[in-house]
Amino acid sequence: MKDRFCSQIISLNELNRGKTGRIKKLICSGLKRKRFLDFGFIKGTKVRAIIKSPFNGPTAYSINETIIAIRGEDAKNILVDLMG
């Protein structure tokens, strides 16, 4: 049985297709941070990787019933707590 207090924090770009995480922290500032917040990347929100492009291209994520594609280099700025 997994200890419920043990969490695995990873960057969003490491979230495998079909897996879900909960937004933990944005490690960016300025316009990039504002854009993520506007898209709903707020601490505690669930996000799921839907489609991963080959060769480190954009990945589609489901968040708040919306699908958003984010480049790998940008997804590195979002930390998530891996669920399940």
PDB file of N, CA and C in Angstrom:
ATOM      1  N   MET A   1       0.841  -1.184   0.000  1.00  0.00           N
ATOM      2  CA  MET A   1       0.000   0.000   0.000  1.00  0.00           C
ATOM      3  C   MET A   1       0.881   1.240   0.000  1.00  0.00           C
ATOM      4  N   LYS A   2       0.583   2.156  -0.867  1.00  0.00           N
ATOM      5  CA  LYS A   2       1.380   3.368  -0.992  1.00  0.00           C
ATOM      6  C   LYS A   2       1.087   4.320   0.163  1.00  0.00           C
ATOM      7  N   ASP A   3       2.145   4.866   0.737  1.00  0.00           N
ATOM      8  CA  ASP A   3       1.996   5.836   1.810  1.00  0.00           C
ATOM      9  C   ASP A   3       1.393   7.112   1.236  1.00  0.00           C
ATOM     10  N   ARG A   4       0.265   7.547   1.765  1.00  0.00           N
ATOM     11  CA  ARG A   4      -0.421   8.707   1.196  1.00  0.00           C
ATOM     12  C   ARG A   4       0.332  10.011   1.413  1.00  0.00           C
ATOM     13  N   PHE A   5       1.330   9.994   2.304  1.00  0.00           N
ATOM     14  CA  PHE A   5       2.109  11.206   2.529  1.00  0.00           C
ATOM     15  C   PHE A   5       3.357  11.250   1.668  1.00  0.00           C
ATOM     16  N   CYS A   6       3.630  10.167   0.959  1.00  0.00           N
ATOM     17  CA  CYS A   6       4.777  10.100   0.074  1.00  0.00           C
ATOM     18  C   CYS A   6       4.346  10.548  -1.318  1.00  0.00           C
ATOM     19  N   SER A   7       4.967  11.573  -1.841  1.00  0.00           N
ATOM     20  CA  SER A   7       4.579  12.059  -3.163  1.00  0.00           C
ATOM     21  C   SER A   7       5.794  12.060  -4.082  1.00  0.00           C
ATOM     22  N   GLN A   8       5.509  12.047  -5.372  1.00  0.00           N
ATOM     23  CA  GLN A   8       6.566  12.089  -6.366  1.00  0.00           C
ATOM     24  C   GLN A   8       6.361  13.347  -7.193  1.00  0.00           C
ATOM     25  N   ILE A   9       7.241  14.319  -7.025  1.00  0.00           N
ATOM     26  CA  ILE A   9       7.160  15.580  -7.750  1.00  0.00           C
ATOM     27  C   ILE A   9       8.015  15.462  -9.010  1.00  0.00           C
ATOM     28  N   ILE A  10       7.406  15.737 -10.157  1.00  0.00           N
ATOM     29  CA  ILE A  10       8.097  15.694 -11.447  1.00  0.00           C
ATOM     30  C   ILE A  10       7.714  16.935 -12.237  1.00  0.00           C
ATOM     31  N   SER A  11       8.463  17.240 -13.281  1.00  0.00           N
ATOM     32  CA  SER A  11       8.054  18.333 -14.160  1.00  0.00           C
ATOM     33  C   SER A  11       6.981  17.800 -15.108  1.00  0.00           C
ATOM     34  N   LEU A  12       6.131  18.681 -15.576  1.00  0.00           N
ATOM     35  CA  LEU A  12       5.001  18.282 -16.404  1.00  0.00           C
ATOM     36  C   LEU A  12       5.452  17.527 -17.654  1.00  0.00           C
ATOM     37  N   ASN A  13       6.599  17.891 -18.220  1.00  0.00           N
ATOM     38  CA  ASN A  13       7.068  17.212 -19.430  1.00  0.00           C
ATOM     39  C   ASN A  13       7.447  15.747 -19.172  1.00  0.00           C
ATOM     40  N   GLU A  14       7.602  15.353 -17.909  1.00  0.00           N
ATOM     41  CA  GLU A  14       7.918  13.964 -17.552  1.00  0.00           C
ATOM     42  C   GLU A  14       6.660  13.120 -17.322  1.00  0.00           C
ATOM     43  N   LEU A  15       5.500  13.753 -17.328  1.00  0.00           N
ATOM     44  CA  LEU A  15       4.237  13.043 -17.109  1.00  0.00           C
ATOM     45  C   LEU A  15       3.935  12.177 -18.328  1.00  0.00           C
ATOM     46  N   ASN A  16       3.860  10.877 -18.135  1.00  0.00           N
ATOM     47  CA  ASN A  16       3.621   9.954 -19.235  1.00  0.00           C
ATOM     48  C   ASN A  16       2.182  10.031 -19.738  1.00  0.00           C
ATOM     49  N   ARG A  17       2.003   9.682 -21.006  1.00  0.00           N
ATOM     50  CA  ARG A  17       0.669   9.697 -21.630  1.00  0.00           C
ATOM     51  C   ARG A  17      -0.298   8.858 -20.802  1.00  0.00           C
ATOM     52  N   GLY A  18      -1.464   9.426 -20.531  1.00  0.00           N
ATOM     53  CA  GLY A  18      -2.495   8.744 -19.764  1.00  0.00           C
ATOM     54  C   GLY A  18      -2.384   8.912 -18.260  1.00  0.00           C
ATOM     55  N   LYS A  19      -1.277   9.460 -17.785  1.00  0.00           N
ATOM     56  CA  LYS A  19      -1.069   9.657 -16.345  1.00  0.00           C
ATOM     57  C   LYS A  19      -1.596  11.022 -15.918  1.00  0.00           C
ATOM     58  N   THR A  20      -1.934  11.114 -14.639  1.00  0.00           N
ATOM     59  CA  THR A  20      -2.493  12.340 -14.074  1.00  0.00           C
ATOM     60  C   THR A  20      -1.596  12.853 -12.958  1.00  0.00           C
ATOM     61  N   GLY A  21      -1.501  14.159 -12.878  1.00  0.00           N
ATOM     62  CA  GLY A  21      -0.766  14.808 -11.801  1.00  0.00           C
ATOM     63  C   GLY A  21      -1.557  15.991 -11.286  1.00  0.00           C
ATOM     64  N   ARG A  22      -1.143  16.497 -10.157  1.00  0.00           N
ATOM     65  CA  ARG A  22      -1.781  17.673  -9.571  1.00  0.00           C
ATOM     66  C   ARG A  22      -0.742  18.795  -9.558  1.00  0.00           C
ATOM     67  N   ILE A  23      -1.104  19.953 -10.083  1.00  0.00           N
ATOM     68  CA  ILE A  23      -0.169  21.079 -10.160  1.00  0.00           C
ATOM     69  C   ILE A  23       0.351  21.402  -8.765  1.00  0.00           C
ATOM     70  N   LYS A  24       1.670  21.448  -8.655  1.00  0.00           N
ATOM     71  CA  LYS A  24       2.317  21.743  -7.380  1.00  0.00           C
ATOM     72  C   LYS A  24       2.892  23.155  -7.368  1.00  0.00           C
ATOM     73  N   LYS A  25       3.586  23.528  -8.472  1.00  0.00           N
ATOM     74  CA  LYS A  25       4.274  24.823  -8.477  1.00  0.00           C
ATOM     75  C   LYS A  25       4.657  25.219  -9.896  1.00  0.00           C
ATOM     76  N   LEU A  26       4.590  26.507 -10.180  1.00  0.00           N
ATOM     77  CA  LEU A  26       5.111  27.068 -11.435  1.00  0.00           C
ATOM     78  C   LEU A  26       6.474  27.671 -11.119  1.00  0.00           C
ATOM     79  N   ILE A  27       7.483  27.281 -11.880  1.00  0.00           N
ATOM     80  CA  ILE A  27       8.828  27.810 -11.623  1.00  0.00           C
ATOM     81  C   ILE A  27       9.245  28.734 -12.757  1.00  0.00           C
ATOM     82  N   CYS A  28       8.369  29.669 -13.063  1.00  0.00           N
ATOM     83  CA  CYS A  28       8.645  30.682 -14.077  1.00  0.00           C
ATOM     84  C   CYS A  28       8.008  31.984 -13.602  1.00  0.00           C
ATOM     85  N   SER A  29       8.294  33.050 -14.311  1.00  0.00           N
ATOM     86  CA  SER A  29       7.762  34.356 -13.909  1.00  0.00           C
ATOM     87  C   SER A  29       7.340  35.147 -15.141  1.00  0.00           C
ATOM     88  N   GLY A  30       6.833  36.320 -14.909  1.00  0.00           N
ATOM     89  CA  GLY A  30       6.477  37.226 -15.995  1.00  0.00           C
ATOM     90  C   GLY A  30       5.308  36.746 -16.829  1.00  0.00           C
ATOM     91  N   LEU A  31       5.405  37.007 -18.135  1.00  0.00           N
ATOM     92  CA  LEU A  31       4.320  36.682 -19.050  1.00  0.00           C
ATOM     93  C   LEU A  31       4.065  35.177 -19.157  1.00  0.00           C
ATOM     94  N   LYS A  32       5.125  34.387 -19.080  1.00  0.00           N
ATOM     95  CA  LYS A  32       4.961  32.929 -19.163  1.00  0.00           C
ATOM     96  C   LYS A  32       4.126  32.429 -17.985  1.00  0.00           C
ATOM     97  N   ARG A  33       4.450  32.915 -16.784  1.00  0.00           N
ATOM     98  CA  ARG A  33       3.693  32.523 -15.587  1.00  0.00           C
ATOM     99  C   ARG A  33       2.233  32.963 -15.710  1.00  0.00           C
ATOM    100  N   LYS A  34       2.017  34.183 -16.153  1.00  0.00           N
ATOM    101  CA  LYS A  34       0.656  34.699 -16.316  1.00  0.00           C
ATOM    102  C   LYS A  34      -0.133  33.857 -17.318  1.00  0.00           C
ATOM    103  N   ARG A  35       0.512  33.478 -18.414  1.00  0.00           N
ATOM    104  CA  ARG A  35      -0.149  32.658 -19.428  1.00  0.00           C
ATOM    105  C   ARG A  35      -0.580  31.303 -18.855  1.00  0.00           C
ATOM    106  N   PHE A  36       0.315  30.666 -18.106  1.00  0.00           N
ATOM    107  CA  PHE A  36      -0.035  29.385 -17.486  1.00  0.00           C
ATOM    108  C   PHE A  36      -1.200  29.547 -16.511  1.00  0.00           C
ATOM    109  N   LEU A  37      -1.173  30.581 -15.711  1.00  0.00           N
ATOM    110  CA  LEU A  37      -2.260  30.818 -14.765  1.00  0.00           C
ATOM    111  C   LEU A  37      -3.575  31.073 -15.496  1.00  0.00           C
ATOM    112  N   ASP A  38      -3.514  31.828 -16.589  1.00  0.00           N
ATOM    113  CA  ASP A  38      -4.717  32.093 -17.387  1.00  0.00           C
ATOM    114  C   ASP A  38      -5.301  30.812 -17.982  1.00  0.00           C
ATOM    115  N   PHE A  39      -4.428  29.850 -18.310  1.00  0.00           N
ATOM    116  CA  PHE A  39      -4.876  28.567 -18.867  1.00  0.00           C
ATOM    117  C   PHE A  39      -5.400  27.623 -17.793  1.00  0.00           C
ATOM    118  N   GLY A  40      -5.263  27.985 -16.515  1.00  0.00           N
ATOM    119  CA  GLY A  40      -5.777  27.164 -15.431  1.00  0.00           C
ATOM    120  C   GLY A  40      -4.740  26.323 -14.712  1.00  0.00           C
ATOM    121  N   PHE A  41      -3.470  26.560 -14.975  1.00  0.00           N
ATOM    122  CA  PHE A  41      -2.407  25.817 -14.298  1.00  0.00           C
ATOM    123  C   PHE A  41      -2.174  26.429 -12.917  1.00  0.00           C
ATOM    124  N   ILE A  42      -3.109  26.121 -12.027  1.00  0.00           N
ATOM    125  CA  ILE A  42      -3.124  26.678 -10.680  1.00  0.00           C
ATOM    126  C   ILE A  42      -2.858  25.548  -9.695  1.00  0.00           C
ATOM    127  N   LYS A  43      -2.123  25.846  -8.635  1.00  0.00           N
ATOM    128  CA  LYS A  43      -1.771  24.843  -7.630  1.00  0.00           C
ATOM    129  C   LYS A  43      -3.013  24.052  -7.211  1.00  0.00           C
ATOM    130  N   GLY A  44      -2.867  22.729  -7.221  1.00  0.00           N
ATOM    131  CA  GLY A  44      -3.939  21.835  -6.809  1.00  0.00           C
ATOM    132  C   GLY A  44      -4.819  21.325  -7.938  1.00  0.00           C
ATOM    133  N   THR A  45      -4.703  21.903  -9.132  1.00  0.00           N
ATOM    134  CA  THR A  45      -5.528  21.502 -10.271  1.00  0.00           C
ATOM    135  C   THR A  45      -4.981  20.222 -10.895  1.00  0.00           C
ATOM    136  N   LYS A  46      -5.880  19.302 -11.264  1.00  0.00           N
ATOM    137  CA  LYS A  46      -5.474  18.055 -11.914  1.00  0.00           C
ATOM    138  C   LYS A  46      -5.177  18.301 -13.388  1.00  0.00           C
ATOM    139  N   VAL A  47      -4.146  17.629 -13.884  1.00  0.00           N
ATOM    140  CA  VAL A  47      -3.761  17.716 -15.291  1.00  0.00           C
ATOM    141  C   VAL A  47      -3.398  16.308 -15.757  1.00  0.00           C
ATOM    142  N   ARG A  48      -3.796  15.959 -16.985  1.00  0.00           N
ATOM    143  CA  ARG A  48      -3.514  14.626 -17.528  1.00  0.00           C
ATOM    144  C   ARG A  48      -2.862  14.767 -18.894  1.00  0.00           C
ATOM    145  N   ALA A  49      -1.798  13.998 -19.131  1.00  0.00           N
ATOM    146  CA  ALA A  49      -1.131  13.978 -20.436  1.00  0.00           C
ATOM    147  C   ALA A  49      -1.976  13.135 -21.386  1.00  0.00           C
ATOM    148  N   ILE A  50      -2.395  13.710 -22.508  1.00  0.00           N
ATOM    149  CA  ILE A  50      -3.263  13.036 -23.456  1.00  0.00           C
ATOM    150  C   ILE A  50      -2.474  12.463 -24.635  1.00  0.00           C
ATOM    151  N   ILE A  51      -1.729  13.322 -25.325  1.00  0.00           N
ATOM    152  CA  ILE A  51      -0.978  12.909 -26.522  1.00  0.00           C
ATOM    153  C   ILE A  51       0.426  13.498 -26.442  1.00  0.00           C
ATOM    154  N   LYS A  52       1.430  12.644 -26.599  1.00  0.00           N
ATOM    155  CA  LYS A  52       2.816  13.112 -26.623  1.00  0.00           C
ATOM    156  C   LYS A  52       3.342  13.051 -28.053  1.00  0.00           C
ATOM    157  N   SER A  53       3.848  14.163 -28.535  1.00  0.00           N
ATOM    158  CA  SER A  53       4.435  14.208 -29.875  1.00  0.00           C
ATOM    159  C   SER A  53       5.829  13.595 -29.857  1.00  0.00           C
ATOM    160  N   PRO A  54       6.251  13.017 -30.973  1.00  0.00           N
ATOM    161  CA  PRO A  54       7.607  12.463 -31.024  1.00  0.00           C
ATOM    162  C   PRO A  54       8.656  13.570 -31.061  1.00  0.00           C
ATOM    163  N   PHE A  55       9.872  13.195 -30.746  1.00  0.00           N
ATOM    164  CA  PHE A  55      11.034  14.090 -30.840  1.00  0.00           C
ATOM    165  C   PHE A  55      10.874  15.337 -29.976  1.00  0.00           C
ATOM    166  N   ASN A  56      10.303  15.169 -28.775  1.00  0.00           N
ATOM    167  CA  ASN A  56      10.158  16.254 -27.798  1.00  0.00           C
ATOM    168  C   ASN A  56       9.317  17.415 -28.321  1.00  0.00           C
ATOM    169  N   GLY A  57       8.340  17.117 -29.180  1.00  0.00           N
ATOM    170  CA  GLY A  57       7.410  18.138 -29.661  1.00  0.00           C
ATOM    171  C   GLY A  57       6.388  18.453 -28.590  1.00  0.00           C
ATOM    172  N   PRO A  58       5.382  19.243 -28.916  1.00  0.00           N
ATOM    173  CA  PRO A  58       4.363  19.608 -27.926  1.00  0.00           C
ATOM    174  C   PRO A  58       3.585  18.381 -27.435  1.00  0.00           C
ATOM    175  N   THR A  59       3.134  18.466 -26.207  1.00  0.00           N
ATOM    176  CA  THR A  59       2.281  17.436 -25.611  1.00  0.00           C
ATOM    177  C   THR A  59       0.931  18.058 -25.317  1.00  0.00           C
ATOM    178  N   ALA A  60      -0.133  17.301 -25.581  1.00  0.00           N
ATOM    179  CA  ALA A  60      -1.488  17.774 -25.276  1.00  0.00           C
ATOM    180  C   ALA A  60      -1.849  17.332 -23.866  1.00  0.00           C
ATOM    181  N   TYR A  61      -2.327  18.285 -23.070  1.00  0.00           N
ATOM    182  CA  TYR A  61      -2.736  18.029 -21.690  1.00  0.00           C
ATOM    183  C   TYR A  61      -4.196  18.394 -21.517  1.00  0.00           C
ATOM    184  N   SER A  62      -4.883  17.618 -20.701  1.00  0.00           N
ATOM    185  CA  SER A  62      -6.266  17.915 -20.346  1.00  0.00           C
ATOM    186  C   SER A  62      -6.255  18.573 -18.972  1.00  0.00           C
ATOM    187  N   ILE A  63      -6.813  19.784 -18.907  1.00  0.00           N
ATOM    188  CA  ILE A  63      -6.896  20.511 -17.651  1.00  0.00           C
ATOM    189  C   ILE A  63      -8.199  21.299 -17.649  1.00  0.00           C
ATOM    190  N   ASN A  64      -8.970  21.156 -16.606  1.00  0.00           N
ATOM    191  CA  ASN A  64     -10.253  21.861 -16.487  1.00  0.00           C
ATOM    192  C   ASN A  64     -11.135  21.666 -17.723  1.00  0.00           C
ATOM    193  N   GLU A  65     -11.242  20.418 -18.182  1.00  0.00           N
ATOM    194  CA  GLU A  65     -12.078  20.058 -19.327  1.00  0.00           C
ATOM    195  C   GLU A  65     -11.668  20.753 -20.630  1.00  0.00           C
ATOM    196  N   THR A  66     -10.400  21.161 -20.700  1.00  0.00           N
ATOM    197  CA  THR A  66      -9.843  21.796 -21.896  1.00  0.00           C
ATOM    198  C   THR A  66      -8.564  21.061 -22.266  1.00  0.00           C
ATOM    199  N   ILE A  67      -8.288  20.956 -23.554  1.00  0.00           N
ATOM    200  CA  ILE A  67      -7.037  20.337 -24.007  1.00  0.00           C
ATOM    201  C   ILE A  67      -6.107  21.438 -24.499  1.00  0.00           C
ATOM    202  N   ILE A  68      -4.902  21.443 -23.950  1.00  0.00           N
ATOM    203  CA  ILE A  68      -3.913  22.482 -24.260  1.00  0.00           C
ATOM    204  C   ILE A  68      -2.608  21.804 -24.652  1.00  0.00           C
ATOM    205  N   ALA A  69      -1.999  22.220 -25.761  1.00  0.00           N
ATOM    206  CA  ALA A  69      -0.696  21.697 -26.185  1.00  0.00           C
ATOM    207  C   ALA A  69       0.402  22.628 -25.681  1.00  0.00           C
ATOM    208  N   ILE A  70       1.409  22.026 -25.068  1.00  0.00           N
ATOM    209  CA  ILE A  70       2.518  22.807 -24.495  1.00  0.00           C
ATOM    210  C   ILE A  70       3.836  22.190 -24.946  1.00  0.00           C
ATOM    211  N   ARG A  71       4.776  23.043 -25.353  1.00  0.00           N
ATOM    212  CA  ARG A  71       6.109  22.576 -25.730  1.00  0.00           C
ATOM    213  C   ARG A  71       6.830  22.007 -24.511  1.00  0.00           C
ATOM    214  N   GLY A  72       7.671  21.029 -24.754  1.00  0.00           N
ATOM    215  CA  GLY A  72       8.425  20.392 -23.673  1.00  0.00           C
ATOM    216  C   GLY A  72       9.249  21.371 -22.863  1.00  0.00           C
ATOM    217  N   GLU A  73       9.875  22.328 -23.545  1.00  0.00           N
ATOM    218  CA  GLU A  73      10.710  23.302 -22.825  1.00  0.00           C
ATOM    219  C   GLU A  73       9.882  24.179 -21.893  1.00  0.00           C
ATOM    220  N   ASP A  74       8.609  24.424 -22.234  1.00  0.00           N
ATOM    221  CA  ASP A  74       7.728  25.199 -21.354  1.00  0.00           C
ATOM    222  C   ASP A  74       7.156  24.327 -20.238  1.00  0.00           C
ATOM    223  N   ALA A  75       6.868  23.064 -20.556  1.00  0.00           N
ATOM    224  CA  ALA A  75       6.301  22.156 -19.560  1.00  0.00           C
ATOM    225  C   ALA A  75       7.293  21.865 -18.429  1.00  0.00           C
ATOM    226  N   LYS A  76       8.576  22.065 -18.672  1.00  0.00           N
ATOM    227  CA  LYS A  76       9.580  21.874 -17.626  1.00  0.00           C
ATOM    228  C   LYS A  76       9.395  22.867 -16.484  1.00  0.00           C
ATOM    229  N   ASN A  77       8.690  23.968 -16.745  1.00  0.00           N
ATOM    230  CA  ASN A  77       8.484  25.008 -15.737  1.00  0.00           C
ATOM    231  C   ASN A  77       7.287  24.752 -14.830  1.00  0.00           C
ATOM    232  N   ILE A  78       6.629  23.614 -15.009  1.00  0.00           N
ATOM    233  CA  ILE A  78       5.465  23.286 -14.206  1.00  0.00           C
ATOM    234  C   ILE A  78       5.760  21.992 -13.444  1.00  0.00           C
ATOM    235  N   LEU A  79       5.707  22.071 -12.123  1.00  0.00           N
ATOM    236  CA  LEU A  79       5.931  20.885 -11.299  1.00  0.00           C
ATOM    237  C   LEU A  79       4.587  20.289 -10.912  1.00  0.00           C
ATOM    238  N   VAL A  80       4.490  18.973 -11.003  1.00  0.00           N
ATOM    239  CA  VAL A  80       3.260  18.271 -10.657  1.00  0.00           C
ATOM    240  C   VAL A  80       3.559  17.150  -9.662  1.00  0.00           C
ATOM    241  N   ASP A  81       2.566  16.837  -8.850  1.00  0.00           N
ATOM    242  CA  ASP A  81       2.625  15.725  -7.936  1.00  0.00           C
ATOM    243  C   ASP A  81       1.947  14.557  -8.639  1.00  0.00           C
ATOM    244  N   LEU A  82       2.701  13.526  -8.968  1.00  0.00           N
ATOM    245  CA  LEU A  82       2.187  12.373  -9.709  1.00  0.00           C
ATOM    246  C   LEU A  82       1.116  11.667  -8.884  1.00  0.00           C
ATOM    247  N   MET A  83      -0.017  11.405  -9.519  1.00  0.00           N
ATOM    248  CA  MET A  83      -1.135  10.739  -8.856  1.00  0.00           C
ATOM    249  C   MET A  83      -1.205   9.290  -9.307  1.00  0.00           C
ATOM    250  N   GLY A  84      -1.592   8.409  -8.385  1.00  0.00           N
ATOM    251  CA  GLY A  84      -1.809   7.004  -8.732  1.00  0.00           C
ATOM    252  C   GLY A  84      -0.553   6.364  -9.070  1.00  0.00           C
TER     253      GLY A  84
END
